[in-house]
Amino acid sequence: MKYTHILLSGAILLSSLSMLSLPQQSASKTAAKSSVENKVVDSSIYPNANQFNKKISANKIVWTGMNVILEADVVNKPDRASFEQNVIESITVTVGEQTYIINTGKFDDQLLDIISMDVSRSKDWIAIHAERSAGKTLILVEVKTGKLMVLNDLMQDDRNQPIETIASYHWSPKKDEIAISFGDTAKSSLAIYDPSKDSFHYLPRRTNYISTNLVLWQKNGNTLDYISEYPSDQLILFRYNTKTNQVKPVQKINKQEWAQWFELIH
């Protein structure tokens, strides 16, 4: 099903989308030293993550935070494969006194879960990250007007090729721009989207990334860090400078380090 820009008004119902040993020392000194050595991420250069809470029941998924309430109504379809029997039929987004309803029941590729949500720096835009049976979709809702955008489809039109998944995203701390990683199971690319201009800027590629499951703006708003896999099972931290439009590899990342970066967006 094709998704385009859609304008929501009030509670309008939408039917379109788509290890080294240490010398002996006191336990406290050893623990302190170990903590410093193991903390490889300088969290001070990244913005604090907005706080949201998720609650799941048999027929509803609810996300709350930042004056936003998102409620996804879930229905069971026993005729489907077991992993996709519970599908999201509609999503209600409430911001203050404004309510928008997205009807997802008629989607060709229905949503199975709401993975996360976040608001832009100005709080004018809400990002909804949803899981499908194959891939992930990123939906943007403009708070003031209810305009709805599905980035997978906008990118498909822009690039004239299918966009199977948007794996990760992060709002800029300085502008209403959102960084995303997108692609399929074999290839990952990155872009920055400006919803007010409806424009994409695609980042240059340093290599053939297999996957990119974390993108993270620095506080300055000019630097974007992301962790990509290449070759298989090897992770590298890359750094993109928006002023020079250049990407450089920074360091290899192990599983412990990856976990520390992942905590910065949750």
Protein backbone atom coordinates (compact mmCIF):
# COMPACT_ATOMS: atom_id res chain seq x y z
CA MET A 1 0.00 0.00 0.00
CA LYS A 2 1.34 3.44 -0.92
CA TYR A 3 1.82 6.02 1.82
CA THR A 4 2.02 9.77 1.23
CA HIS A 5 1.55 12.94 3.25
CA ILE A 6 -1.80 12.84 5.02
CA LEU A 7 -3.44 15.65 6.99
CA LEU A 8 -5.13 14.69 10.25
CA SER A 9 -7.64 17.06 11.84
CA GLY A 10 -8.84 16.54 15.39
CA ALA A 11 -9.88 12.92 15.66
CA ILE A 12 -9.96 12.15 11.93
CA LEU A 13 -9.62 8.46 11.14
CA LEU A 14 -6.87 7.60 8.70
CA SER A 15 -6.92 4.51 6.55
CA SER A 16 -3.65 5.12 4.65
CA LEU A 17 -0.14 4.69 5.71
CA SER A 18 2.01 1.77 5.01
CA MET A 19 41.01 -8.59 30.09
CA LEU A 20 44.10 -7.58 31.74
CA SER A 21 44.82 -8.54 35.39
CA LEU A 22 45.32 -5.57 37.76
CA PRO A 23 48.01 -5.23 40.43
CA GLN A 24 46.69 -5.90 43.91
CA GLN A 25 45.15 -2.84 45.56
CA SER A 26 42.24 -2.00 47.80
CA ALA A 27 38.82 -3.23 46.63
CA SER A 28 37.42 0.31 46.40
CA LYS A 29 40.33 1.56 44.28
CA THR A 30 40.15 -1.51 42.05
CA ALA A 31 36.41 -1.04 41.51
CA ALA A 32 36.82 2.67 40.79
CA LYS A 33 39.64 2.06 38.32
CA SER A 34 37.69 -0.72 36.63
CA SER A 35 34.66 1.55 36.30
CA VAL A 36 36.71 4.25 34.60
CA GLU A 37 38.42 1.79 32.26
CA ASN A 38 35.15 0.10 31.30
CA LYS A 39 33.27 3.36 30.64
CA VAL A 40 34.39 4.02 27.10
CA VAL A 41 31.57 6.38 26.06
CA ASP A 42 31.85 10.08 26.82
CA SER A 43 28.16 10.68 27.50
CA SER A 44 28.75 14.40 28.13
CA ILE A 45 28.95 15.11 24.38
CA TYR A 46 25.49 13.61 23.71
CA PRO A 47 22.07 15.04 24.63
CA ASN A 48 20.06 13.33 27.34
CA ALA A 49 17.42 10.97 26.00
CA ASN A 50 13.78 11.97 26.37
CA GLN A 51 12.01 9.72 28.85
CA PHE A 52 9.08 7.56 27.77
CA ASN A 53 7.36 4.60 29.40
CA LYS A 54 5.84 1.60 27.65
CA LYS A 55 3.03 -0.60 28.97
CA ILE A 56 1.67 -3.67 27.19
CA SER A 57 -1.61 -5.50 27.78
CA ALA A 58 -3.46 -8.15 25.81
CA ASN A 59 -5.10 -5.63 23.49
CA LYS A 60 -3.17 -2.38 23.87
CA ILE A 61 0.32 -0.88 23.68
CA VAL A 62 0.71 2.44 25.49
CA TRP A 63 3.63 4.87 25.37
CA THR A 64 3.66 7.98 27.58
CA GLY A 65 6.07 10.86 28.12
CA MET A 66 6.83 14.47 27.12
CA ASN A 67 3.10 15.37 27.34
CA VAL A 68 2.31 12.72 24.72
CA ILE A 69 0.11 9.63 25.05
CA LEU A 70 0.26 7.02 22.31
CA GLU A 71 -2.22 4.13 22.43
CA ALA A 72 -2.07 1.30 19.92
CA ASP A 73 -5.09 -1.01 19.77
CA VAL A 74 -4.10 -4.62 19.13
CA VAL A 75 -6.34 -7.32 17.65
CA ASN A 76 -5.72 -11.04 17.31
CA LYS A 77 -5.93 -12.69 13.89
CA PRO A 78 -5.64 -16.45 14.45
CA ASP A 79 -5.56 -17.23 10.71
CA ARG A 80 -2.07 -15.72 10.45
CA ALA A 81 1.32 -17.17 11.31
CA SER A 82 1.91 -17.26 15.08
CA PHE A 83 4.52 -14.49 15.08
CA GLU A 84 2.15 -12.01 13.39
CA GLN A 85 -1.24 -12.90 14.84
CA ASN A 86 -1.39 -9.82 17.07
CA VAL A 87 -1.56 -6.76 14.83
CA ILE A 88 -2.12 -3.07 15.51
CA GLU A 89 -5.51 -1.96 14.24
CA SER A 90 -5.25 1.74 15.11
CA ILE A 91 -2.96 4.24 16.84
CA THR A 92 -4.28 7.18 18.88
CA VAL A 93 -1.88 10.05 19.53
CA THR A 94 -2.88 12.59 22.20
CA VAL A 95 -0.92 15.79 22.82
CA GLY A 96 -2.63 18.02 25.36
CA GLU A 97 -6.17 18.52 24.03
CA GLN A 98 -5.33 17.39 20.49
CA THR A 99 -6.07 13.81 19.43
CA TYR A 100 -5.22 12.10 16.15
CA ILE A 101 -6.24 8.59 15.15
CA ILE A 102 -4.35 6.50 12.60
CA ASN A 103 -6.28 3.51 11.26
CA THR A 104 -3.74 0.79 10.47
CA GLY A 105 -6.20 -2.08 10.10
CA LYS A 106 -6.21 -1.96 6.30
CA PHE A 107 -2.47 -1.83 5.80
CA ASP A 108 -1.08 -4.36 3.34
CA ASP A 109 1.88 -4.86 5.69
CA GLN A 110 0.40 -4.44 9.14
CA LEU A 111 2.20 -3.20 12.23
CA LEU A 112 3.02 -5.64 15.02
CA ASP A 113 4.57 -3.42 17.70
CA ILE A 114 5.51 0.15 18.58
CA ILE A 115 9.22 -0.10 19.33
CA SER A 116 9.78 3.47 20.48
CA MET A 117 8.66 7.07 20.12
CA ASP A 118 10.34 10.45 20.48
CA VAL A 119 9.64 14.16 20.00
CA SER A 120 11.65 16.71 18.06
CA ARG A 121 13.63 19.53 19.68
CA SER A 122 10.75 22.01 19.23
CA LYS A 123 8.19 19.36 20.24
CA ASP A 124 6.39 20.08 16.94
CA TRP A 125 6.98 16.55 15.59
CA ILE A 126 6.49 13.06 17.01
CA ALA A 127 8.40 10.06 15.65
CA ILE A 128 6.79 6.62 15.95
CA HIS A 129 9.01 3.60 15.27
CA ALA A 130 6.91 0.55 14.43
CA GLU A 131 7.78 -3.08 13.71
CA ARG A 132 6.27 -5.00 10.82
CA SER A 133 6.54 -8.69 9.97
CA ALA A 134 9.49 -7.75 7.75
CA GLY A 135 11.31 -4.56 8.64
CA LYS A 136 10.56 -1.40 10.59
CA THR A 137 8.61 1.73 9.69
CA LEU A 138 9.17 5.30 10.91
CA ILE A 139 6.10 7.55 11.10
CA LEU A 140 6.21 11.30 11.76
CA VAL A 141 3.21 13.24 13.04
CA GLU A 142 3.14 17.04 13.07
CA VAL A 143 1.59 18.08 16.39
CA LYS A 144 0.02 21.37 15.23
CA THR A 145 -1.67 20.12 12.07
CA GLY A 146 -1.81 16.34 12.37
CA LYS A 147 0.07 15.89 9.11
CA LEU A 148 1.34 12.33 8.85
CA MET A 149 4.46 11.13 7.03
CA VAL A 150 5.75 7.60 6.59
CA LEU A 151 9.44 7.98 5.84
CA ASN A 152 9.83 4.57 4.22
CA ASP A 153 7.45 5.61 1.46
CA LEU A 154 8.79 9.14 1.08
CA MET A 155 12.27 7.69 0.62
CA GLN A 156 10.99 5.09 -1.80
CA ASP A 157 9.60 7.89 -3.96
CA ASP A 158 12.74 9.95 -3.55
CA ARG A 159 15.15 7.13 -4.43
CA ASN A 160 12.85 5.17 -6.75
CA GLN A 161 13.53 1.92 -4.91
CA PRO A 162 11.87 -0.03 -2.05
CA ILE A 163 12.92 0.81 1.51
CA GLU A 164 12.49 -2.37 3.54
CA THR A 165 13.36 -0.95 6.93
CA ILE A 166 14.35 2.13 8.90
CA ALA A 167 16.44 0.53 11.61
CA SER A 168 17.30 3.51 13.82
CA TYR A 169 16.69 7.24 14.19
CA HIS A 170 17.59 10.26 16.33
CA TRP A 171 16.25 13.83 16.41
CA SER A 172 18.80 16.63 16.13
CA PRO A 173 19.25 18.59 19.38
CA LYS A 174 19.45 21.87 17.41
CA LYS A 175 16.91 21.59 14.57
CA ASP A 176 13.76 19.69 13.68
CA GLU A 177 15.79 17.25 11.59
CA ILE A 178 15.91 13.51 12.09
CA ALA A 179 18.82 11.21 11.29
CA ILE A 180 17.93 7.70 10.13
CA SER A 181 19.57 4.48 9.01
CA PHE A 182 17.71 2.54 6.35
CA GLY A 183 18.04 -0.37 3.96
CA ASP A 184 17.53 -4.12 4.04
CA THR A 185 19.14 -7.17 5.64
CA ALA A 186 22.28 -6.86 3.48
CA LYS A 187 22.87 -3.14 3.07
CA SER A 188 22.53 -0.07 5.28
CA SER A 189 22.63 3.63 4.39
CA LEU A 190 22.06 6.87 6.30
CA ALA A 191 20.18 10.09 5.72
CA ILE A 192 18.96 13.24 7.46
CA TYR A 193 15.35 14.29 6.86
CA ASP A 194 13.94 17.81 7.28
CA PRO A 195 10.14 17.44 7.60
CA SER A 196 9.43 21.17 7.21
CA LYS A 197 11.16 21.14 3.81
CA ASP A 198 10.29 17.53 2.97
CA SER A 199 13.89 16.97 1.94
CA PHE A 200 16.47 14.22 2.43
CA HIS A 201 20.22 14.61 2.66
CA TYR A 202 22.02 11.31 2.12
CA LEU A 203 25.30 10.74 3.95
CA PRO A 204 28.37 9.63 2.00
CA ARG A 205 29.33 6.00 2.55
CA ARG A 206 32.75 4.94 3.78
CA THR A 207 32.12 1.28 3.05
CA ASN A 208 29.30 -1.20 2.37
CA TYR A 209 27.62 -1.22 5.79
CA ILE A 210 25.64 -4.38 6.49
CA SER A 211 23.56 -2.82 9.26
CA THR A 212 23.38 0.36 11.35
CA ASN A 213 21.37 -0.02 14.53
CA LEU A 214 22.38 3.19 16.29
CA VAL A 215 22.55 6.81 15.16
CA LEU A 216 23.26 9.53 17.72
CA TRP A 217 23.65 13.28 17.35
CA GLN A 218 26.19 15.08 19.46
CA LYS A 219 25.03 18.12 21.45
CA ASN A 220 26.61 20.54 18.98
CA GLY A 221 24.14 19.48 16.28
CA ASN A 222 26.93 19.40 13.70
CA THR A 223 28.24 15.89 14.40
CA LEU A 224 26.42 12.62 13.92
CA ASP A 225 27.84 9.38 15.31
CA TYR A 226 26.66 5.99 14.15
CA ILE A 227 27.70 2.39 14.69
CA SER A 228 27.65 0.13 11.65
CA GLU A 229 28.43 -3.51 11.02
CA TYR A 230 31.10 -4.34 8.43
CA PRO A 231 32.30 -6.95 7.84
CA SER A 232 29.89 -9.42 9.43
CA ASP A 233 29.80 -9.30 13.26
CA GLN A 234 32.31 -6.44 13.43
CA LEU A 235 31.12 -3.01 14.61
CA ILE A 236 32.75 0.34 13.86
CA LEU A 237 31.93 3.80 15.20
CA PHE A 238 31.74 6.36 12.38
CA ARG A 239 31.52 10.15 12.72
CA TYR A 240 29.81 12.45 10.22
CA ASN A 241 30.42 16.22 10.08
CA THR A 242 27.47 18.14 8.63
CA LYS A 243 29.62 21.17 7.78
CA THR A 244 32.22 19.29 5.73
CA ASN A 245 29.88 16.48 4.58
CA GLN A 246 32.60 13.98 5.46
CA VAL A 247 32.54 10.67 7.31
CA LYS A 248 35.47 9.12 9.14
CA PRO A 249 35.86 5.86 11.07
CA VAL A 250 36.63 6.43 14.75
CA GLN A 251 37.14 3.04 16.39
CA LYS A 252 36.10 -0.59 16.50
CA ILE A 253 33.35 -1.39 18.99
CA ASN A 254 33.00 -4.52 21.12
CA LYS A 255 29.78 -5.77 22.70
CA GLN A 256 30.38 -4.04 26.03
CA GLU A 257 31.01 -0.71 24.34
CA TRP A 258 27.98 -1.15 22.11
CA ALA A 259 25.77 -1.60 25.16
CA GLN A 260 27.02 1.68 26.63
CA TRP A 261 26.19 3.63 23.46
CA PHE A 262 22.78 1.95 23.25
CA GLU A 263 21.96 3.17 26.76
CA LEU A 264 22.32 6.77 25.58
CA ILE A 265 19.16 6.59 23.48
CA HIS A 266 17.00 4.77 26.04
